[in-house]
């Protein structure tokens, strides 16, 4: 029973980490190319 609880906690942590990584990546991908292009054109 304890193993199941540990597995559930681990999966929740992994899902949370992946979700936050994806969220920051989406925000950066929306913002970063404009910044990069403006750097290139200077």
Protein backbone atom coordinates (compact mmCIF):
# COMPACT_ATOMS: atom_id res chain seq x y z
CA UNK A 1 0.00 0.00 0.00
CA UNK A 2 2.80 2.41 0.81
CA UNK A 3 4.42 1.71 -2.56
CA UNK A 4 1.21 2.77 -4.31
CA UNK A 5 1.12 6.04 -2.38
CA UNK A 6 4.77 6.72 -3.23
CA UNK A 7 4.09 6.01 -6.90
CA UNK A 8 1.09 8.34 -6.93
CA UNK A 9 3.11 11.13 -5.33
CA UNK A 10 5.95 10.59 -7.81
CA UNK A 11 3.64 10.69 -10.81
CA UNK A 12 1.98 13.87 -9.53
CA UNK A 13 5.39 15.49 -9.08
CA UNK A 14 6.52 14.44 -12.55
CA UNK A 15 3.31 15.70 -14.16
CA UNK A 16 3.63 18.99 -12.30
CA UNK A 17 7.27 19.43 -13.38
CA UNK A 18 6.49 18.57 -17.01
CA UNK A 19 3.49 20.92 -17.00
CA UNK A 20 5.50 23.85 -15.63
CA UNK A 21 8.32 23.15 -18.10
CA UNK A 22 5.88 23.11 -21.01
CA UNK A 23 4.17 26.28 -19.79
CA UNK A 24 7.45 28.20 -19.52
CA UNK A 25 8.58 26.81 -22.89
CA UNK A 26 5.37 27.99 -24.57
CA UNK A 27 5.77 31.45 -23.04
CA UNK A 28 9.43 31.60 -24.08
CA UNK A 29 8.69 30.32 -27.58
CA UNK A 30 6.07 33.04 -28.03
CA UNK A 31 8.44 35.72 -26.75
CA UNK A 32 11.91 34.54 -27.71
CA UNK A 33 11.81 34.58 -31.55
CA UNK A 34 10.83 38.25 -31.64
CA UNK A 35 13.69 39.04 -29.29
CA UNK A 36 16.10 36.99 -31.39
CA UNK A 37 15.04 38.61 -34.64
CA UNK A 38 15.34 42.09 -33.19
CA UNK A 39 18.85 41.16 -32.05
CA UNK A 40 19.74 39.97 -35.55
CA UNK A 41 18.50 43.11 -37.25
CA UNK A 42 20.40 45.50 -35.03
